């Protein structure tokens, strides 16, 4: 049975699609993609149907991840039922998810960077505040956390 994982940020055009694309790419490279189902969504519907930000797509492509087919969507109530893990990129979005999620499914909620080996940061920063380097910083954090997430869940 596949581990179903949903990554969540604000508009689903930068951090969460990066996590989805990186996790999918790493799982495929490791030959464990059959053990996972990855998706991403936003807490707000600002960009529903839009592709990821071009800077996000370009930064990911430089590292071999293709985000171009992804399209933004908003978190739905059904996501809390369907997914085993609903992972927020930061505390603000974790709080929004906690308010929206039926209490029965609260155990599925968490911060994505809780899976990161070097737990010196627990939030994936919004890349828009970091200039061009912000998108690279997001990738650094996401690659590390996604690799550990895959290792941890593959062992179960």
N, C-alpha and C. Protein backbone atom coordinates (compact mmCIF):
# COMPACT_ATOMS: atom_id res chain seq x y z
N UNK A 1 0.84 -1.18 0.00
CA UNK A 1 0.00 0.00 0.00
C UNK A 1 0.89 1.25 0.00
N UNK A 2 0.60 2.20 -0.86
CA UNK A 2 1.41 3.40 -1.01
C UNK A 2 1.17 4.39 0.13
N UNK A 3 2.26 5.08 0.52
CA UNK A 3 2.16 6.19 1.47
C UNK A 3 1.68 7.40 0.68
N UNK A 4 0.57 7.98 1.10
CA UNK A 4 -0.01 9.12 0.40
C UNK A 4 0.37 10.39 1.16
N UNK A 5 1.10 11.28 0.46
CA UNK A 5 1.66 12.46 1.10
C UNK A 5 1.24 13.71 0.35
N UNK A 6 0.71 14.67 1.09
CA UNK A 6 0.31 15.96 0.53
C UNK A 6 1.19 17.05 1.15
N UNK A 7 1.81 17.87 0.31
CA UNK A 7 2.62 19.00 0.74
C UNK A 7 1.79 20.27 0.58
N UNK A 8 1.85 21.16 1.57
CA UNK A 8 0.97 22.34 1.56
C UNK A 8 1.74 23.62 1.86
N UNK A 9 1.49 24.65 1.03
CA UNK A 9 1.96 26.01 1.30
C UNK A 9 0.80 26.96 1.00
N UNK A 10 1.09 28.20 0.71
CA UNK A 10 0.04 29.21 0.53
C UNK A 10 -0.74 29.01 -0.76
N UNK A 11 -0.08 29.25 -1.89
CA UNK A 11 -0.77 29.25 -3.17
C UNK A 11 -0.48 28.07 -4.07
N UNK A 12 0.41 27.18 -3.61
CA UNK A 12 0.76 25.97 -4.36
C UNK A 12 1.45 26.30 -5.68
N UNK A 13 2.35 27.32 -5.64
CA UNK A 13 3.12 27.64 -6.85
C UNK A 13 4.62 27.69 -6.58
N UNK A 14 5.05 27.50 -5.34
CA UNK A 14 6.51 27.49 -5.13
C UNK A 14 6.94 26.37 -4.18
N UNK A 15 6.72 26.50 -2.90
CA UNK A 15 7.28 25.53 -1.95
C UNK A 15 6.65 24.14 -2.05
N UNK A 16 5.33 24.07 -2.04
CA UNK A 16 4.71 22.74 -2.05
C UNK A 16 4.88 22.00 -3.38
N UNK A 17 4.79 22.66 -4.54
CA UNK A 17 5.08 21.89 -5.76
C UNK A 17 6.55 21.49 -5.85
N UNK A 18 7.44 22.31 -5.27
CA UNK A 18 8.85 21.92 -5.22
C UNK A 18 9.00 20.63 -4.42
N UNK A 19 8.34 20.57 -3.26
CA UNK A 19 8.41 19.36 -2.44
C UNK A 19 7.82 18.16 -3.18
N UNK A 20 6.69 18.36 -3.85
CA UNK A 20 6.08 17.27 -4.60
C UNK A 20 7.01 16.77 -5.69
N UNK A 21 7.55 17.67 -6.49
CA UNK A 21 8.42 17.28 -7.60
C UNK A 21 9.72 16.65 -7.15
N UNK A 22 10.32 17.20 -6.11
CA UNK A 22 11.57 16.65 -5.59
C UNK A 22 11.32 15.26 -4.99
N UNK A 23 10.29 15.13 -4.17
CA UNK A 23 10.00 13.83 -3.56
C UNK A 23 9.71 12.78 -4.62
N UNK A 24 8.93 13.14 -5.61
CA UNK A 24 8.62 12.20 -6.69
C UNK A 24 9.90 11.80 -7.43
N UNK A 25 10.73 12.80 -7.74
CA UNK A 25 11.98 12.52 -8.45
C UNK A 25 12.93 11.64 -7.66
N UNK A 26 13.07 11.92 -6.36
CA UNK A 26 13.95 11.10 -5.52
C UNK A 26 13.43 9.68 -5.38
N UNK A 27 12.13 9.53 -5.19
CA UNK A 27 11.55 8.20 -5.05
C UNK A 27 11.75 7.39 -6.34
N UNK A 28 11.61 8.03 -7.48
CA UNK A 28 11.82 7.36 -8.77
C UNK A 28 13.28 6.94 -8.91
N UNK A 29 14.21 7.86 -8.61
CA UNK A 29 15.65 7.54 -8.71
C UNK A 29 16.03 6.37 -7.81
N UNK A 30 15.36 6.26 -6.65
CA UNK A 30 15.69 5.21 -5.70
C UNK A 30 14.91 3.91 -5.98
N UNK A 31 14.02 3.94 -6.97
CA UNK A 31 13.25 2.76 -7.32
C UNK A 31 12.17 2.41 -6.30
N UNK A 32 11.72 3.41 -5.54
CA UNK A 32 10.68 3.16 -4.53
C UNK A 32 9.41 3.97 -4.83
N UNK A 33 9.30 4.48 -6.03
CA UNK A 33 8.15 5.31 -6.38
C UNK A 33 6.83 4.56 -6.24
N UNK A 34 6.85 3.25 -6.37
CA UNK A 34 5.63 2.45 -6.20
C UNK A 34 5.12 2.48 -4.75
N UNK A 35 5.96 2.91 -3.81
CA UNK A 35 5.58 2.97 -2.40
C UNK A 35 4.94 4.31 -2.02
N UNK A 36 4.88 5.24 -2.97
CA UNK A 36 4.45 6.60 -2.64
C UNK A 36 3.46 7.17 -3.64
N UNK A 37 2.63 8.05 -3.11
CA UNK A 37 1.77 8.91 -3.92
C UNK A 37 1.97 10.32 -3.37
N UNK A 38 2.46 11.23 -4.20
CA UNK A 38 2.73 12.60 -3.79
C UNK A 38 1.79 13.57 -4.47
N UNK A 39 1.42 14.61 -3.76
CA UNK A 39 0.60 15.68 -4.32
C UNK A 39 0.93 16.94 -3.54
N UNK A 40 0.43 18.06 -4.02
CA UNK A 40 0.62 19.32 -3.31
C UNK A 40 -0.62 20.19 -3.49
N UNK A 41 -0.79 21.12 -2.57
CA UNK A 41 -1.95 22.01 -2.60
C UNK A 41 -1.63 23.27 -1.80
N UNK A 42 -2.50 24.26 -1.95
CA UNK A 42 -2.35 25.51 -1.22
C UNK A 42 -3.50 25.71 -0.25
N UNK A 43 -3.25 26.49 0.78
CA UNK A 43 -4.31 26.82 1.73
C UNK A 43 -5.22 27.90 1.18
N UNK A 44 -4.75 28.62 0.17
CA UNK A 44 -5.52 29.69 -0.46
C UNK A 44 -5.69 29.38 -1.95
N UNK A 45 -6.74 29.87 -2.53
CA UNK A 45 -7.04 29.58 -3.93
C UNK A 45 -6.55 30.63 -4.91
N UNK A 46 -5.50 31.36 -4.55
CA UNK A 46 -5.02 32.44 -5.41
C UNK A 46 -4.62 32.01 -6.81
N UNK A 47 -4.06 30.84 -6.94
CA UNK A 47 -3.43 30.43 -8.21
C UNK A 47 -3.99 29.13 -8.78
N UNK A 48 -5.18 28.74 -8.39
CA UNK A 48 -5.74 27.47 -8.84
C UNK A 48 -5.65 27.35 -10.36
N UNK A 49 -5.08 26.23 -10.81
CA UNK A 49 -4.91 25.97 -12.23
C UNK A 49 -3.63 26.50 -12.84
N UNK A 50 -2.90 27.35 -12.10
CA UNK A 50 -1.66 27.92 -12.62
C UNK A 50 -0.49 26.96 -12.44
N UNK A 51 0.50 27.06 -13.33
CA UNK A 51 1.73 26.27 -13.14
C UNK A 51 2.56 26.89 -12.01
N UNK A 52 3.56 26.17 -11.53
CA UNK A 52 4.45 26.75 -10.53
C UNK A 52 5.14 28.01 -11.07
N UNK A 53 5.56 28.86 -10.16
CA UNK A 53 6.29 30.07 -10.51
C UNK A 53 7.47 29.71 -11.42
N UNK A 54 7.70 30.48 -12.49
CA UNK A 54 8.80 30.16 -13.42
C UNK A 54 10.17 30.05 -12.74
N UNK A 55 10.40 30.84 -11.69
CA UNK A 55 11.68 30.75 -10.96
C UNK A 55 11.78 29.42 -10.22
N UNK A 56 10.66 28.92 -9.72
CA UNK A 56 10.64 27.62 -9.06
C UNK A 56 10.93 26.52 -10.07
N UNK A 57 10.28 26.59 -11.22
CA UNK A 57 10.48 25.60 -12.28
C UNK A 57 11.94 25.60 -12.74
N UNK A 58 12.50 26.79 -12.95
CA UNK A 58 13.89 26.90 -13.43
C UNK A 58 14.88 26.36 -12.40
N UNK A 59 14.70 26.72 -11.14
CA UNK A 59 15.61 26.25 -10.10
C UNK A 59 15.55 24.74 -9.98
N UNK A 60 14.36 24.18 -10.01
CA UNK A 60 14.21 22.72 -9.91
C UNK A 60 14.81 22.04 -11.14
N UNK A 61 14.61 22.60 -12.32
CA UNK A 61 15.14 22.00 -13.55
C UNK A 61 16.66 21.95 -13.52
N UNK A 62 17.29 22.96 -12.93
CA UNK A 62 18.76 22.96 -12.83
C UNK A 62 19.25 21.77 -12.01
N UNK A 63 18.40 21.23 -11.17
CA UNK A 63 18.78 20.07 -10.35
C UNK A 63 18.14 18.77 -10.86
N UNK A 64 17.49 18.84 -12.00
CA UNK A 64 16.96 17.64 -12.62
C UNK A 64 15.53 17.27 -12.26
N UNK A 65 14.77 18.21 -11.72
CA UNK A 65 13.37 17.96 -11.36
C UNK A 65 12.46 18.72 -12.30
N UNK A 66 11.46 18.04 -12.85
CA UNK A 66 10.53 18.67 -13.78
C UNK A 66 9.23 19.00 -13.06
N UNK A 67 8.99 20.28 -12.82
CA UNK A 67 7.76 20.73 -12.16
C UNK A 67 6.74 21.26 -13.16
N UNK A 68 7.10 21.31 -14.44
CA UNK A 68 6.25 21.94 -15.44
C UNK A 68 4.85 21.35 -15.57
N UNK A 69 4.65 20.04 -15.35
CA UNK A 69 3.28 19.52 -15.50
C UNK A 69 2.36 19.86 -14.31
N UNK A 70 2.92 20.31 -13.20
CA UNK A 70 2.12 20.54 -11.99
C UNK A 70 1.23 21.78 -12.14
N UNK A 71 0.07 21.73 -11.51
CA UNK A 71 -0.87 22.85 -11.51
C UNK A 71 -1.39 23.05 -10.09
N UNK A 72 -1.53 24.31 -9.74
CA UNK A 72 -1.96 24.65 -8.38
C UNK A 72 -3.40 24.25 -8.13
N UNK A 73 -3.62 23.84 -6.90
CA UNK A 73 -4.97 23.54 -6.44
C UNK A 73 -5.05 23.92 -4.97
N UNK A 74 -6.24 23.97 -4.48
CA UNK A 74 -6.47 24.32 -3.08
C UNK A 74 -6.77 23.05 -2.28
N UNK A 75 -6.33 23.03 -1.03
CA UNK A 75 -6.63 21.91 -0.14
C UNK A 75 -8.14 21.76 -0.01
N UNK A 76 -8.60 20.52 -0.04
CA UNK A 76 -10.03 20.23 0.14
C UNK A 76 -10.21 19.41 1.43
N UNK A 77 -11.42 19.34 1.89
CA UNK A 77 -11.72 18.54 3.08
C UNK A 77 -11.41 17.06 2.83
N UNK A 78 -11.61 16.61 1.61
CA UNK A 78 -11.34 15.21 1.28
C UNK A 78 -9.84 14.87 1.40
N UNK A 79 -8.97 15.87 1.21
CA UNK A 79 -7.53 15.63 1.34
C UNK A 79 -7.17 15.07 2.72
N UNK A 80 -7.87 15.52 3.75
CA UNK A 80 -7.57 15.06 5.11
C UNK A 80 -7.94 13.59 5.29
N UNK A 81 -8.88 13.13 4.51
CA UNK A 81 -9.28 11.72 4.54
C UNK A 81 -8.33 10.90 3.66
N UNK A 82 -8.07 11.38 2.47
CA UNK A 82 -7.33 10.63 1.45
C UNK A 82 -5.85 10.44 1.78
N UNK A 83 -5.20 11.46 2.32
CA UNK A 83 -3.75 11.40 2.52
C UNK A 83 -3.39 10.90 3.91
N UNK A 84 -2.26 10.17 3.97
CA UNK A 84 -1.75 9.66 5.24
C UNK A 84 -0.96 10.72 5.99
N UNK A 85 -0.32 11.61 5.23
CA UNK A 85 0.51 12.68 5.79
C UNK A 85 0.17 13.97 5.06
N UNK A 86 -0.18 15.00 5.80
CA UNK A 86 -0.45 16.33 5.24
C UNK A 86 0.60 17.24 5.87
N UNK A 87 1.60 17.61 5.08
CA UNK A 87 2.79 18.27 5.60
C UNK A 87 2.85 19.73 5.17
N UNK A 88 2.81 20.60 6.15
CA UNK A 88 2.85 22.04 5.91
C UNK A 88 4.30 22.50 5.78
N UNK A 89 4.48 23.54 4.99
CA UNK A 89 5.82 24.10 4.80
C UNK A 89 6.24 25.00 5.96
N UNK A 90 5.27 25.49 6.73
CA UNK A 90 5.61 26.35 7.87
C UNK A 90 4.51 26.29 8.91
N UNK A 91 4.78 26.91 10.07
CA UNK A 91 3.84 26.85 11.19
C UNK A 91 2.52 27.54 10.88
N UNK A 92 2.57 28.64 10.14
CA UNK A 92 1.34 29.36 9.80
C UNK A 92 0.37 28.44 9.04
N UNK A 93 0.91 27.69 8.09
CA UNK A 93 0.04 26.81 7.30
C UNK A 93 -0.35 25.56 8.08
N UNK A 94 0.50 25.14 8.99
CA UNK A 94 0.10 24.03 9.87
C UNK A 94 -1.10 24.45 10.71
N UNK A 95 -1.09 25.68 11.23
CA UNK A 95 -2.22 26.17 12.02
C UNK A 95 -3.48 26.27 11.17
N UNK A 96 -3.36 26.73 9.93
CA UNK A 96 -4.52 26.79 9.04
C UNK A 96 -5.07 25.39 8.78
N UNK A 97 -4.18 24.45 8.57
CA UNK A 97 -4.61 23.07 8.35
C UNK A 97 -5.29 22.49 9.59
N UNK A 98 -4.75 22.78 10.76
CA UNK A 98 -5.34 22.29 12.01
C UNK A 98 -6.76 22.81 12.20
N UNK A 99 -6.99 24.04 11.79
CA UNK A 99 -8.34 24.62 11.91
C UNK A 99 -9.30 24.00 10.90
N UNK A 100 -8.81 23.65 9.73
CA UNK A 100 -9.67 23.12 8.66
C UNK A 100 -9.88 21.61 8.76
N UNK A 101 -8.96 20.92 9.39
CA UNK A 101 -8.97 19.46 9.42
C UNK A 101 -9.91 18.92 10.49
N UNK A 102 -10.74 17.94 10.14
CA UNK A 102 -11.54 17.28 11.17
C UNK A 102 -10.63 16.67 12.24
N UNK A 103 -11.01 16.80 13.48
CA UNK A 103 -10.18 16.34 14.60
C UNK A 103 -9.73 14.88 14.43
N UNK A 104 -10.55 14.06 13.84
CA UNK A 104 -10.23 12.66 13.62
C UNK A 104 -8.93 12.47 12.84
N UNK A 105 -8.57 13.45 12.00
CA UNK A 105 -7.41 13.32 11.12
C UNK A 105 -6.23 14.21 11.54
N UNK A 106 -6.28 14.82 12.70
CA UNK A 106 -5.20 15.71 13.14
C UNK A 106 -3.85 14.98 13.24
N UNK A 107 -3.87 13.68 13.48
CA UNK A 107 -2.61 12.93 13.59
C UNK A 107 -1.86 12.86 12.25
N UNK A 108 -2.49 13.22 11.16
CA UNK A 108 -1.87 13.21 9.84
C UNK A 108 -1.10 14.49 9.55
N UNK A 109 -1.32 15.52 10.35
CA UNK A 109 -0.74 16.84 10.09
C UNK A 109 0.65 16.96 10.70
N UNK A 110 1.51 17.69 10.02
CA UNK A 110 2.85 17.93 10.54
C UNK A 110 3.58 18.96 9.71
N UNK A 111 4.78 19.29 10.16
CA UNK A 111 5.66 20.17 9.40
C UNK A 111 6.58 19.30 8.55
N UNK A 112 6.73 19.66 7.30
CA UNK A 112 7.57 18.89 6.38
C UNK A 112 9.00 18.77 6.89
N UNK A 113 9.55 19.86 7.40
CA UNK A 113 10.96 19.83 7.80
C UNK A 113 11.20 19.02 9.07
N UNK A 114 10.16 18.50 9.68
CA UNK A 114 10.37 17.57 10.80
C UNK A 114 11.10 16.32 10.32
N UNK A 115 11.07 16.07 9.03
CA UNK A 115 11.77 14.93 8.46
C UNK A 115 13.22 15.24 8.11
N UNK A 116 13.61 16.47 8.21
CA UNK A 116 14.97 16.87 7.85
C UNK A 116 15.94 16.36 8.89
N UNK A 117 17.06 15.81 8.46
CA UNK A 117 18.05 15.27 9.40
C UNK A 117 18.63 16.37 10.28
N UNK A 118 19.08 17.45 9.70
CA UNK A 118 19.63 18.57 10.47
C UNK A 118 18.45 19.45 10.87
N UNK A 119 17.93 19.22 12.04
CA UNK A 119 16.70 19.91 12.46
C UNK A 119 17.02 21.28 13.06
N UNK A 120 17.78 22.08 12.33
CA UNK A 120 18.09 23.43 12.79
C UNK A 120 17.04 24.44 12.34
N UNK A 121 16.23 24.07 11.38
CA UNK A 121 15.12 24.89 10.90
C UNK A 121 13.90 24.00 10.82
N UNK A 122 12.73 24.57 11.13
CA UNK A 122 11.53 23.74 11.02
C UNK A 122 10.54 24.30 10.00
N UNK A 123 10.92 25.37 9.32
CA UNK A 123 10.04 25.96 8.31
C UNK A 123 10.79 26.15 7.00
N UNK A 124 10.11 25.85 5.91
CA UNK A 124 10.64 26.17 4.58
C UNK A 124 10.27 27.62 4.33
N UNK A 125 11.25 28.51 4.19
CA UNK A 125 10.93 29.93 4.01
C UNK A 125 10.28 30.22 2.66
N UNK A 126 9.51 31.26 2.63
CA UNK A 126 8.91 31.71 1.37
C UNK A 126 10.03 32.26 0.49
N UNK A 127 10.24 31.68 -0.70
CA UNK A 127 11.37 32.10 -1.53
C UNK A 127 11.27 33.53 -2.05
N UNK A 128 10.09 34.09 -2.05
CA UNK A 128 9.92 35.43 -2.59
C UNK A 128 10.63 36.49 -1.76
N UNK A 129 10.92 36.18 -0.51
CA UNK A 129 11.62 37.13 0.36
C UNK A 129 13.13 36.97 0.29
N UNK A 130 13.60 35.95 -0.42
CA UNK A 130 15.03 35.69 -0.48
C UNK A 130 15.67 35.96 -1.82
N UNK A 131 14.95 36.63 -2.72
CA UNK A 131 15.50 36.90 -4.04
C UNK A 131 15.78 35.62 -4.80
N UNK A 132 16.71 35.68 -5.74
CA UNK A 132 17.04 34.51 -6.56
C UNK A 132 17.56 33.37 -5.70
N UNK A 133 18.28 33.68 -4.65
CA UNK A 133 18.82 32.66 -3.76
C UNK A 133 17.73 31.97 -2.95
N UNK A 134 16.58 32.64 -2.78
CA UNK A 134 15.49 32.05 -2.01
C UNK A 134 15.00 30.75 -2.60
N UNK A 135 14.97 30.66 -3.91
CA UNK A 135 14.50 29.45 -4.57
C UNK A 135 15.52 28.31 -4.41
N UNK A 136 16.80 28.64 -4.42
CA UNK A 136 17.84 27.64 -4.19
C UNK A 136 17.82 27.16 -2.74
N UNK A 137 17.59 28.08 -1.80
CA UNK A 137 17.52 27.72 -0.39
C UNK A 137 16.35 26.76 -0.15
N UNK A 138 15.21 27.04 -0.78
CA UNK A 138 14.06 26.14 -0.67
C UNK A 138 14.43 24.75 -1.17
N UNK A 139 15.09 24.68 -2.31
CA UNK A 139 15.50 23.38 -2.85
C UNK A 139 16.44 22.64 -1.92
N UNK A 140 17.40 23.34 -1.32
CA UNK A 140 18.32 22.70 -0.39
C UNK A 140 17.56 22.04 0.76
N UNK A 141 16.64 22.77 1.35
CA UNK A 141 15.86 22.25 2.48
C UNK A 141 14.95 21.11 2.05
N UNK A 142 14.29 21.30 0.92
CA UNK A 142 13.33 20.31 0.43
C UNK A 142 14.03 19.01 0.05
N UNK A 143 15.16 19.09 -0.63
CA UNK A 143 15.87 17.86 -1.00
C UNK A 143 16.25 17.05 0.23
N UNK A 144 16.76 17.71 1.23
CA UNK A 144 17.17 17.01 2.45
C UNK A 144 15.97 16.37 3.15
N UNK A 145 14.90 17.15 3.33
CA UNK A 145 13.72 16.63 4.02
C UNK A 145 13.03 15.52 3.21
N UNK A 146 12.94 15.68 1.89
CA UNK A 146 12.30 14.66 1.06
C UNK A 146 13.09 13.36 1.09
N UNK A 147 14.41 13.45 1.06
CA UNK A 147 15.22 12.24 1.11
C UNK A 147 15.00 11.50 2.42
N UNK A 148 14.94 12.23 3.52
CA UNK A 148 14.72 11.59 4.82
C UNK A 148 13.30 11.05 4.94
N UNK A 149 12.32 11.78 4.41
CA UNK A 149 10.93 11.31 4.41
C UNK A 149 10.83 9.97 3.68
N UNK A 150 11.44 9.89 2.53
CA UNK A 150 11.41 8.66 1.73
C UNK A 150 12.12 7.53 2.46
N UNK A 151 13.28 7.80 3.05
CA UNK A 151 13.99 6.76 3.82
C UNK A 151 13.13 6.26 4.98
N UNK A 152 12.55 7.21 5.72
CA UNK A 152 11.77 6.85 6.90
C UNK A 152 10.55 6.02 6.53
N UNK A 153 9.78 6.48 5.55
CA UNK A 153 8.55 5.78 5.19
C UNK A 153 8.79 4.50 4.40
N UNK A 154 9.88 4.43 3.66
CA UNK A 154 10.21 3.20 2.93
C UNK A 154 10.51 2.05 3.89
N UNK A 155 11.00 2.40 5.06
CA UNK A 155 11.37 1.39 6.05
C UNK A 155 10.15 0.83 6.79
N UNK A 156 8.99 1.44 6.63
CA UNK A 156 7.79 1.00 7.34
C UNK A 156 7.05 -0.07 6.58
